[in-house]
C-alpha cells in the first residue's frame, strides 16, 4: 500500500522564505486555502498532483520534499525516548511522529542531549572502574564519530558540491579505460602536485606524507585498490581542500574531535567520488544491473569501495537505486553505516539476529540473499558478504568483516541478485533491534523492548518467557 506523504513543515518553510501569504500560495498551487493550511499542519497528505504542483511552483527538486528524513528521525527519536524513559509509560508513536514532522530542530536537539547523557553515563561508569582498578581510563571517543555519522545519515550520504568537484577532477587523474589506475594516479601526483610515491612494507601504516620531501609512503602489503584510494585521498586533500573545508564548516560539527573526524570523512568521500565518478559509475551500475564484481573490475576498485559508492548515488535529478550499506565486525559492532532508504540501523545495542549480515561473518566469498520485512511492512532485498582484509604477514591475523547492501524490494528488479527470486514470497521478519522491535511473537528475541511493559506468566513457559503489552500507537 502506498505510504501517505506529509510535507507540512517543508511547504511552510518554502512559502515563508518567499514571503507568500496562504491565499497567494494556494492560488499558485491551484488548491483551496483550507487544503493548503491542512497540508502545512500535516493534517492531510499530499496527492501526486499536488506534489507535482509544489515542485513546479516553488522551483525545487522533488527530493527537497522527500519525507525519508522524517522516518529516520522518527526511528532515532523513538529509540532515544524509549531508553530515556524506561519504566515510565511509553509515549505514543503518533506524538513522536508529530514532533519529528513539525519540530525537527527540537527533535535533533533532543537527540544531541540524549547522546550527551549517554556519554556522561559511560564516563561515570569508566571512572568508577578506574577508581576500582586504580588505573587511568581515557575518555570515550564515541560521540564525535556518532556526530559525523549523523551528518552523513541526514544528508543521504551524498555531498553535492564535493561530489561534483571530484567528478570534474577525475579525467585528469584516473587515466583512460584499460590504463592502470595506480600508474595514472601516481603520475598525476608527480606531475601536478610534486608528490613522489614510495612503496614499502610498513606494518599498520597506510599512508604518510613527508611535507619536507613531498614523499608519499604507501604500504606495499596493502592491495592495489587500497593504495589507489590512499593516493586519491592525497589528491583530493590538496586539490579540493577548500571545498572540503567549506562543507566541514556547513556541517556544524561541535567539538574539535568531531571536526577532525569530519574532515577525514569528507576527504574519504571525495576520494571515493574521484575513483568512481558519479555519472560514469551510475551508468555502469544500471548497465550491469548492479553486479558488484563486474563494477569493481571495471573501475579497478575493491568490493567494499564499490558497495560504499552505490550507497551514495543520491544526486538530485540523477538518483541511482537507494541502498543502505553497512560494515560489521566479528563482535557485531557496526563500523560503517549509511542509508538512503527507510531502513533503520540500531543506534544503541545489537542488531536483529535474524538479519543475514550476521551469517555472512562465517565465511568469505559467498553472496547471501535475503528477502526481509521490517515491522512497518517495508520489504527489502538484503545482500551480505564476508570479507577479509589481509595483513600481509602470516604472523599478523587479518581483519574480518561482513558487508551488507540492500534496497527496497520495489527496486529489486534492477539488481542481478534478484534473478530467480520470488519477490512476493514470505519474507524473514526482522527489526532494528530487540530494544525497540515491535514484534510480539519473535522466537529469537533476546530481551524485551524498553518501551513495552512485560508480563511473566508463572504457570507456563515458552521459548520467550514473557508477553508484551500492546504497543501504543495513539493517545
Protein backbone atom coordinates (compact mmCIF):
# COMPACT_ATOMS: atom_id res chain seq x y z
CA UNK A 1 0.00 0.00 0.00
CA UNK A 2 1.34 3.45 -0.93
CA UNK A 3 2.60 5.39 2.05
CA UNK A 4 0.92 8.73 2.72
CA UNK A 5 3.20 11.70 2.15
CA UNK A 6 3.18 14.55 4.68
CA UNK A 7 5.34 17.56 3.82
CA UNK A 8 3.85 20.31 6.02
CA UNK A 9 6.94 21.91 7.61
CA UNK A 10 8.84 21.90 4.29
CA UNK A 11 5.96 23.58 2.44
CA UNK A 12 5.56 26.20 5.16
CA UNK A 13 9.30 26.94 5.12
CA UNK A 14 9.34 27.29 1.31
CA UNK A 15 6.28 29.57 1.36
CA UNK A 16 7.58 31.80 4.15
CA UNK A 17 11.02 32.04 2.53
CA UNK A 18 9.31 33.62 -0.49
CA UNK A 19 7.11 35.91 1.60
CA UNK A 20 3.89 34.44 0.23
CA UNK A 21 0.64 34.56 2.17
CA UNK A 22 -1.52 31.45 2.37
CA UNK A 23 -4.07 32.85 -0.10
CA UNK A 24 -1.49 33.78 -2.73
CA UNK A 25 0.32 30.46 -2.40
CA UNK A 26 -2.92 28.45 -2.62
CA UNK A 27 -3.82 30.31 -5.82
CA UNK A 28 -0.44 29.50 -7.37
CA UNK A 29 -0.88 25.83 -6.44
CA UNK A 30 -4.45 25.66 -7.69
CA UNK A 31 -5.85 24.43 -4.36
CA UNK A 32 -8.04 25.91 -1.65
CA UNK A 33 -6.63 27.91 1.26
CA UNK A 34 -8.09 25.42 3.75
CA UNK A 35 -6.42 22.49 1.96
CA UNK A 36 -3.04 24.28 1.98
CA UNK A 37 -3.48 25.11 5.66
CA UNK A 38 -4.21 21.45 6.42
CA UNK A 39 -1.16 20.37 4.39
CA UNK A 40 1.11 22.73 6.33
CA UNK A 41 -0.30 21.47 9.63
CA UNK A 42 0.33 17.87 8.48
CA UNK A 43 -3.37 17.15 8.86
CA UNK A 44 -3.66 15.94 5.27
CA UNK A 45 -1.19 14.16 2.98
CA UNK A 46 -0.40 15.49 -0.46
CA UNK A 47 -1.56 13.76 -3.62
CA UNK A 48 0.72 13.13 -6.59
CA UNK A 49 -0.89 16.06 -8.44
CA UNK A 50 -0.30 18.47 -5.57
CA UNK A 51 3.26 17.19 -5.11
CA UNK A 52 4.00 18.00 -8.77
CA UNK A 53 2.40 21.43 -8.31
CA UNK A 54 4.59 22.09 -5.27
CA UNK A 55 7.75 21.19 -7.19
CA UNK A 56 6.81 23.40 -10.14
CA UNK A 57 5.53 26.34 -8.07
CA UNK A 58 8.48 26.53 -5.69
CA UNK A 59 11.02 25.58 -8.35
CA UNK A 60 12.67 22.91 -6.23
CA UNK A 61 13.70 19.31 -6.86
CA UNK A 62 11.28 16.62 -5.75
CA UNK A 63 13.97 15.40 -3.35
CA UNK A 64 13.52 18.62 -1.35
CA UNK A 65 10.10 17.36 -0.28
CA UNK A 66 11.35 13.83 0.41
CA UNK A 67 9.88 12.54 3.68
CA UNK A 68 12.54 9.88 4.27
CA UNK A 69 14.33 12.08 6.79
CA UNK A 70 11.13 12.16 8.86
CA UNK A 71 11.21 8.37 9.03
CA UNK A 72 14.88 8.32 10.02
CA UNK A 73 14.33 10.98 12.65
CA UNK A 74 11.25 9.19 13.99
CA UNK A 75 13.15 5.91 14.38
CA UNK A 76 16.05 7.64 16.15
CA UNK A 77 13.68 9.62 18.36
CA UNK A 78 11.65 6.58 19.34
CA UNK A 79 14.76 4.67 20.41
CA UNK A 80 16.18 7.59 22.39
CA UNK A 81 12.89 8.43 24.12
CA UNK A 82 12.24 4.79 24.99
CA UNK A 83 15.68 4.44 26.54
CA UNK A 84 15.48 7.70 28.47
CA UNK A 85 12.03 6.92 29.91
CA UNK A 86 12.50 3.25 30.78
CA UNK A 87 9.95 2.30 33.42
CA UNK A 88 7.60 5.18 32.55
CA UNK A 89 4.54 4.83 30.31
CA UNK A 90 5.66 4.88 26.64
CA UNK A 91 4.99 7.96 24.51
CA UNK A 92 2.56 7.10 21.69
CA UNK A 93 4.06 6.88 18.22
CA UNK A 94 1.57 9.48 16.99
CA UNK A 95 3.09 12.08 19.32
CA UNK A 96 6.66 11.22 18.34
CA UNK A 97 5.71 11.38 14.67
CA UNK A 98 4.22 14.83 15.20
CA UNK A 99 7.45 16.04 16.84
CA UNK A 100 9.60 14.61 14.04
CA UNK A 101 7.45 16.16 11.32
CA UNK A 102 6.59 19.53 12.83
CA UNK A 103 9.54 20.25 15.13
CA UNK A 104 12.58 18.56 13.55
CA UNK A 105 15.05 21.06 15.05
CA UNK A 106 13.72 20.31 18.52
CA UNK A 107 13.96 16.57 17.82
CA UNK A 108 17.59 16.85 16.70
CA UNK A 109 18.42 18.91 19.80
CA UNK A 110 16.80 16.25 21.98
CA UNK A 111 18.92 13.57 20.30
CA UNK A 112 22.04 15.63 20.98
CA UNK A 113 21.10 15.89 24.64
CA UNK A 114 20.43 12.16 24.78
CA UNK A 115 23.86 11.45 23.28
CA UNK A 116 25.41 13.76 25.87
CA UNK A 117 23.55 11.94 28.63
CA UNK A 118 24.80 8.56 27.41
CA UNK A 119 28.33 9.88 27.14
CA UNK A 120 28.27 11.21 30.70
CA UNK A 121 26.84 7.90 31.92
CA UNK A 122 29.60 5.98 30.12
CA UNK A 123 32.27 8.27 31.56
CA UNK A 124 30.85 7.85 35.05
CA UNK A 125 31.00 4.08 34.72
CA UNK A 126 34.53 4.23 33.34
CA UNK A 127 35.56 6.50 36.21
CA UNK A 128 34.10 4.07 38.73
CA UNK A 129 36.02 1.23 37.08
CA UNK A 130 39.22 3.28 37.04
CA UNK A 131 38.90 4.03 40.75
CA UNK A 132 38.24 0.38 41.49
CA UNK A 133 41.23 -0.76 39.41
CA UNK A 134 43.48 2.21 40.24
CA UNK A 135 44.08 2.78 36.51
CA UNK A 136 43.68 5.75 34.20
CA UNK A 137 40.92 5.40 31.64
CA UNK A 138 40.80 7.54 28.53
CA UNK A 139 37.58 9.30 27.68
CA UNK A 140 35.40 7.59 25.13
CA UNK A 141 35.66 8.90 21.56
CA UNK A 142 32.27 7.55 20.59
CA UNK A 143 30.34 10.81 20.48
CA UNK A 144 32.47 12.60 17.83
CA UNK A 145 32.17 9.59 15.50
CA UNK A 146 28.41 9.44 16.08
CA UNK A 147 28.12 13.15 15.34
CA UNK A 148 29.86 12.68 11.98
CA UNK A 149 27.79 9.59 11.21
CA UNK A 150 24.62 11.57 11.89
CA UNK A 151 25.77 14.29 9.49
CA UNK A 152 26.13 11.80 6.64
CA UNK A 153 22.97 9.96 7.74
CA UNK A 154 20.76 13.03 7.44
CA UNK A 155 22.24 14.23 4.13
CA UNK A 156 21.53 10.86 2.49
CA UNK A 157 25.27 10.11 2.39
CA UNK A 158 25.64 12.49 -0.57
CA UNK A 159 27.64 15.76 -0.55
CA UNK A 160 26.73 17.54 -3.77
CA UNK A 161 29.46 20.19 -4.15
CA UNK A 162 32.21 17.75 -3.24
CA UNK A 163 30.86 15.01 -5.50
CA UNK A 164 30.60 17.36 -8.47
CA UNK A 165 34.12 18.70 -7.94
CA UNK A 166 35.61 15.21 -7.65
CA UNK A 167 33.82 14.14 -10.83
CA UNK A 168 35.21 17.17 -12.70
CA UNK A 169 38.73 16.39 -11.46
CA UNK A 170 38.59 12.69 -12.34
CA UNK A 171 39.52 12.86 -16.07
CA UNK A 172 42.85 14.48 -15.15
CA UNK A 173 43.72 11.78 -12.63
CA UNK A 174 42.39 8.34 -13.41
CA UNK A 175 43.53 7.83 -17.00
CA UNK A 176 41.75 6.13 -19.87
CA UNK A 177 39.85 2.83 -19.93
CA UNK A 178 42.26 -0.07 -19.68
CA UNK A 179 45.07 2.07 -18.26
CA UNK A 180 46.49 1.15 -14.87
CA UNK A 181 44.70 3.29 -12.30
CA UNK A 182 47.63 3.07 -9.89
CA UNK A 183 50.08 4.37 -12.52
CA UNK A 184 47.72 7.16 -13.58
CA UNK A 185 47.25 8.40 -10.01
CA UNK A 186 50.98 8.21 -9.30
CA UNK A 187 51.74 10.18 -12.47
CA UNK A 188 49.22 12.89 -11.52
CA UNK A 189 50.70 13.21 -8.04
CA UNK A 190 54.19 13.69 -9.50
CA UNK A 191 53.16 15.92 -12.41
CA UNK A 192 50.59 18.21 -10.77
CA UNK A 193 51.35 18.14 -7.05
CA UNK A 194 55.05 17.40 -6.92
CA UNK A 195 54.49 14.32 -4.79
CA UNK A 196 56.67 11.23 -5.22
CA UNK A 197 55.17 7.86 -4.28
CA UNK A 198 57.22 5.30 -2.39
CA UNK A 199 56.05 1.79 -1.52
CA UNK A 200 57.43 -0.23 1.36
CA UNK A 201 56.27 -2.76 3.92
CA UNK A 202 55.26 -0.63 6.87
CA UNK A 203 53.24 -2.61 9.43
CA UNK A 204 49.91 -0.89 10.14
CA UNK A 205 50.75 2.27 8.19
CA UNK A 206 48.50 3.01 5.21
CA UNK A 207 49.74 6.43 4.10
CA UNK A 208 52.27 9.00 5.25
CA UNK A 209 53.26 12.26 3.54
CA UNK A 210 56.57 13.89 4.42
CA UNK A 211 55.83 17.62 3.97
CA UNK A 212 59.52 18.46 3.58
CA UNK A 213 60.44 15.95 0.87
CA UNK A 214 56.92 15.59 -0.60
CA UNK A 215 57.29 11.81 -0.49
CA UNK A 216 54.07 9.85 -0.05
CA UNK A 217 54.79 6.48 1.56
CA UNK A 218 52.28 3.69 0.91
CA UNK A 219 52.21 0.24 2.46
CA UNK A 220 53.29 -2.30 -0.18
CA UNK A 221 51.46 -5.04 1.76
CA UNK A 222 48.10 -3.43 1.03
CA UNK A 223 46.06 -4.43 -2.06
CA UNK A 224 46.43 -2.22 -5.10
CA UNK A 225 42.87 -0.91 -4.60
CA UNK A 226 43.80 0.36 -1.14
CA UNK A 227 46.97 2.01 -2.43
CA UNK A 228 44.93 3.73 -5.15
CA UNK A 229 42.47 5.01 -2.58
CA UNK A 230 45.29 6.45 -0.45
CA UNK A 231 46.70 8.25 -3.49
CA UNK A 232 43.24 9.57 -4.34
CA UNK A 233 42.93 10.77 -0.75
CA UNK A 234 46.13 12.80 -1.10
CA UNK A 235 44.98 14.27 -4.42
CA UNK A 236 41.59 15.49 -3.17
CA UNK A 237 43.07 16.69 0.13
CA UNK A 238 45.22 19.12 -1.87
CA UNK A 239 43.11 19.89 -4.95
CA UNK A 240 39.69 20.01 -3.24
CA UNK A 241 40.82 21.14 0.21
CA UNK A 242 38.92 24.46 0.06
CA UNK A 243 35.63 22.72 -0.82
CA UNK A 244 36.18 20.17 1.93
CA UNK A 245 36.67 22.97 4.47
CA UNK A 246 33.53 24.75 3.24
CA UNK A 247 31.45 21.59 3.63
CA UNK A 248 33.00 20.94 7.03
CA UNK A 249 32.03 24.41 8.23
CA UNK A 250 28.48 23.93 6.95
CA UNK A 251 28.19 20.59 8.76
CA UNK A 252 28.16 22.41 12.11
CA UNK A 253 30.15 19.74 13.96
CA UNK A 254 30.58 20.94 17.52
CA UNK A 255 33.76 19.52 19.00
CA UNK A 256 37.33 19.73 17.64
CA UNK A 257 37.44 15.91 17.63
CA UNK A 258 34.25 15.71 15.54
CA UNK A 259 35.62 18.33 13.14
CA UNK A 260 38.86 16.37 12.71
CA UNK A 261 36.91 13.16 12.06
CA UNK A 262 34.57 15.05 9.74
CA UNK A 263 37.49 16.37 7.71
CA UNK A 264 38.85 12.84 7.24
CA UNK A 265 35.39 11.51 6.38
CA UNK A 266 34.73 14.23 3.79
CA UNK A 267 38.16 13.63 2.25
CA UNK A 268 37.45 9.90 2.14
CA UNK A 269 34.12 10.69 0.47
CA UNK A 270 35.83 12.85 -2.15
CA UNK A 271 38.46 10.16 -2.79
CA UNK A 272 35.73 7.61 -3.49
CA UNK A 273 33.94 10.08 -5.77
CA UNK A 274 37.19 10.67 -7.67
CA UNK A 275 37.87 6.97 -8.26
CA UNK A 276 34.23 6.18 -9.08
CA UNK A 277 32.94 9.30 -10.93
CA UNK A 278 29.22 9.74 -10.38
CA UNK A 279 27.65 9.65 -13.84
CA UNK A 280 30.03 7.07 -15.32
CA UNK A 281 29.65 4.83 -12.29
CA UNK A 282 25.87 5.23 -12.14
CA UNK A 283 25.54 4.39 -15.85
CA UNK A 284 27.62 1.25 -15.48
CA UNK A 285 25.74 0.26 -12.32
CA UNK A 286 22.48 0.37 -14.26
CA UNK A 287 24.02 -1.38 -17.30
CA UNK A 288 25.43 -4.26 -15.23
CA UNK A 289 22.31 -4.39 -13.04
CA UNK A 290 24.47 -3.59 -10.03
CA UNK A 291 26.75 -6.59 -10.44
CA UNK A 292 29.33 -5.56 -7.84
CA UNK A 293 32.07 -7.89 -9.03
CA UNK A 294 31.86 -6.51 -12.56
CA UNK A 295 31.74 -2.91 -11.36
CA UNK A 296 34.77 -3.44 -9.15
CA UNK A 297 36.73 -4.86 -12.10
CA UNK A 298 35.69 -2.10 -14.47
CA UNK A 299 36.65 0.71 -12.07
CA UNK A 300 39.66 -1.11 -10.53
CA UNK A 301 38.09 -0.69 -7.10
CA UNK A 302 37.69 -3.02 -4.14
CA UNK A 303 34.44 -4.81 -3.42
CA UNK A 304 33.86 -2.66 -0.33
CA UNK A 305 34.62 0.60 -2.15
CA UNK A 306 32.10 -0.36 -4.83
CA UNK A 307 29.37 -1.19 -2.31
CA UNK A 308 30.02 2.04 -0.44
CA UNK A 309 29.80 4.12 -3.62
CA UNK A 310 26.48 2.54 -4.57
CA UNK A 311 25.01 3.90 -1.33
CA UNK A 312 25.93 7.49 -2.29
CA UNK A 313 24.12 7.78 -5.64
CA UNK A 314 21.59 10.37 -4.48
CA UNK A 315 22.31 13.29 -6.80
CA UNK A 316 19.16 15.40 -7.35
CA UNK A 317 17.72 14.69 -10.77
CA UNK A 318 20.06 11.73 -11.34
CA UNK A 319 19.47 9.35 -8.47
CA UNK A 320 20.54 5.75 -8.53
CA UNK A 321 18.86 2.92 -6.67
CA UNK A 322 18.65 3.98 -3.00
CA UNK A 323 20.70 1.49 -0.97
CA UNK A 324 21.65 1.01 2.62
CA UNK A 325 25.25 -0.03 3.27
CA UNK A 326 26.99 -1.18 6.43
CA UNK A 327 30.08 -2.96 7.66
CA UNK A 328 30.01 -5.13 10.78
CA UNK A 329 32.92 -6.66 12.67
CA UNK A 330 33.01 -10.09 14.30
CA UNK A 331 31.72 -8.70 17.61
CA UNK A 332 28.65 -7.25 15.89
CA UNK A 333 29.85 -3.64 16.04
CA UNK A 334 28.67 -1.53 13.11
CA UNK A 335 31.81 0.26 11.90
CA UNK A 336 30.19 1.83 8.83
CA UNK A 337 26.52 2.58 8.23
CA UNK A 338 24.78 4.64 5.58
CA UNK A 339 21.20 4.51 4.38
CA UNK A 340 19.45 6.24 1.50
CA UNK A 341 16.43 4.03 2.22
CA UNK A 342 13.86 3.88 5.02
CA UNK A 343 15.86 1.02 6.51
CA UNK A 344 16.99 1.96 10.01
CA UNK A 345 20.07 0.84 11.92
CA UNK A 346 20.27 0.34 15.66
CA UNK A 347 21.98 3.33 17.23
CA UNK A 348 22.45 1.63 20.59
CA UNK A 349 22.83 -2.06 21.34
CA UNK A 350 22.84 -5.02 18.98
CA UNK A 351 21.14 -5.58 15.63
CA UNK A 352 18.47 -8.13 14.75
CA UNK A 353 19.89 -11.70 14.92
CA UNK A 354 17.63 -12.79 12.03
CA UNK A 355 19.35 -10.42 9.59
CA UNK A 356 21.66 -12.19 7.13
CA UNK A 357 24.56 -9.82 7.87
CA UNK A 358 25.45 -11.98 10.89
CA UNK A 359 25.52 -15.20 8.88
CA UNK A 360 27.98 -13.62 6.44
CA UNK A 361 30.60 -13.31 9.17
CA UNK A 362 31.08 -17.09 8.99
CA UNK A 363 32.96 -17.08 5.71
CA UNK A 364 34.17 -15.07 2.74
CA UNK A 365 33.35 -15.44 -0.92
CA UNK A 366 29.61 -16.20 -0.66
CA UNK A 367 26.74 -13.92 -1.58
CA UNK A 368 23.87 -14.25 0.88
CA UNK A 369 20.50 -13.07 -0.38
CA UNK A 370 17.57 -12.45 1.96
CA UNK A 371 14.07 -11.13 1.45
CA UNK A 372 13.33 -9.32 4.71
CA UNK A 373 10.43 -7.35 6.12
CA UNK A 374 10.64 -4.64 8.78
CA UNK A 375 7.88 -4.13 11.38
CA UNK A 376 6.46 -1.20 9.36
CA UNK A 377 5.75 -3.59 6.47
CA UNK A 378 8.57 -2.34 4.21
CA UNK A 379 10.26 -5.23 2.39
CA UNK A 380 13.94 -5.24 1.44
CA UNK A 381 16.31 -7.25 -0.68
CA UNK A 382 19.25 -7.74 1.71
CA UNK A 383 22.66 -8.80 0.39
CA UNK A 384 25.57 -9.77 2.62
CA UNK A 385 29.17 -10.86 2.12
CA UNK A 386 32.04 -11.82 4.37
CA UNK A 387 35.39 -10.20 3.59
CA UNK A 388 38.90 -10.46 4.98
CA UNK A 389 41.49 -7.71 4.91
CA UNK A 390 44.83 -9.48 4.86
CA UNK A 391 47.69 -8.12 6.94
CA UNK A 392 50.47 -9.05 4.51
CA UNK A 393 52.13 -11.34 7.03
CA UNK A 394 51.47 -14.86 8.28
CA UNK A 395 52.36 -13.64 11.77
CA UNK A 396 49.64 -10.96 11.83
CA UNK A 397 45.98 -12.02 11.63
CA UNK A 398 43.78 -10.39 9.05
CA UNK A 399 40.67 -8.38 9.85
CA UNK A 400 37.30 -9.97 9.13
CA UNK A 401 34.12 -8.05 8.41
CA UNK A 402 30.68 -8.56 6.93
CA UNK A 403 29.33 -6.13 4.35
CA UNK A 404 25.63 -5.52 3.93
CA UNK A 405 23.91 -3.82 0.99
CA UNK A 406 20.17 -3.66 0.42
CA UNK A 407 17.31 -1.81 -1.20
CA UNK A 408 13.55 -1.61 -1.08
CA UNK A 409 12.04 -4.59 -2.88
CA UNK A 410 10.42 -2.25 -5.43
CA UNK A 411 13.93 -1.70 -6.87
CA UNK A 412 14.95 -5.37 -6.76
CA UNK A 413 14.41 -5.95 -10.47
CA UNK A 414 17.32 -3.56 -11.14
CA UNK A 415 19.68 -5.95 -9.33
CA UNK A 416 21.13 -9.09 -10.87
CA UNK A 417 20.96 -10.69 -7.42
CA UNK A 418 17.15 -10.79 -7.56
CA UNK A 419 17.04 -13.02 -10.65
CA UNK A 420 15.05 -16.17 -9.91
CA UNK A 421 13.89 -14.83 -6.55
CA UNK A 422 10.17 -14.78 -5.79
CA UNK A 423 9.78 -11.24 -4.51
CA UNK A 424 6.24 -11.98 -3.31
CA UNK A 425 7.31 -14.93 -1.19
CA UNK A 426 7.17 -14.85 2.59
CA UNK A 427 9.93 -12.58 3.90
CA UNK A 428 12.04 -13.04 7.00
CA UNK A 429 10.59 -10.75 9.70
CA UNK A 430 13.45 -8.65 11.05
CA UNK A 431 13.65 -5.50 13.15
CA UNK A 432 16.03 -2.70 14.07
CA UNK A 433 16.99 -4.27 17.40
CA UNK A 434 15.30 -6.10 20.25
CA UNK A 435 15.41 -2.87 22.25
CA UNK A 436 12.70 -1.23 20.14
CA UNK A 437 11.34 -4.06 17.96
CA UNK A 438 7.55 -4.06 17.77
CA UNK A 439 7.19 -7.77 17.03
CA UNK A 440 5.34 -9.67 19.75
CA UNK A 441 5.98 -13.26 18.71
CA UNK A 442 9.65 -13.34 17.71
CA UNK A 443 11.26 -16.58 18.91
CA UNK A 444 14.71 -15.01 18.54
CA UNK A 445 14.03 -12.09 20.88
CA UNK A 446 16.96 -11.58 23.26
CA UNK A 447 15.22 -9.24 25.71
CA UNK A 448 12.02 -7.18 25.91
CA UNK A 449 11.75 -3.77 24.23
CA UNK A 450 12.42 -0.88 26.57
CA UNK A 451 9.17 0.92 25.74
CA UNK A 452 6.82 -2.00 26.48
CA UNK A 453 5.53 -3.49 29.73
CA UNK A 454 6.06 -7.23 30.04
CA UNK A 455 4.22 -9.96 31.92
CA UNK A 456 5.91 -13.15 33.08
CA UNK A 457 3.37 -15.99 33.43
CA UNK A 458 4.00 -18.24 36.40
CA UNK A 459 2.13 -21.35 35.30
CA UNK A 460 3.73 -21.86 31.88
CA UNK A 461 6.96 -21.31 29.98
CA UNK A 462 7.52 -20.63 26.28
CA UNK A 463 10.71 -20.04 24.30
CA UNK A 464 10.37 -16.34 25.13
CA UNK A 465 9.44 -16.33 28.84
CA UNK A 466 7.28 -13.19 28.81
CA UNK A 467 4.43 -11.50 26.97
CA UNK A 468 4.21 -7.83 26.00
CA UNK A 469 1.51 -5.23 26.41
CA UNK A 470 0.11 -3.86 23.11
CA UNK A 471 2.18 -1.11 21.53
CA UNK A 472 0.55 2.31 21.91
CA UNK A 473 0.08 3.97 18.56
CA UNK A 474 -2.09 6.87 19.67
CA UNK A 475 -3.04 8.74 22.77
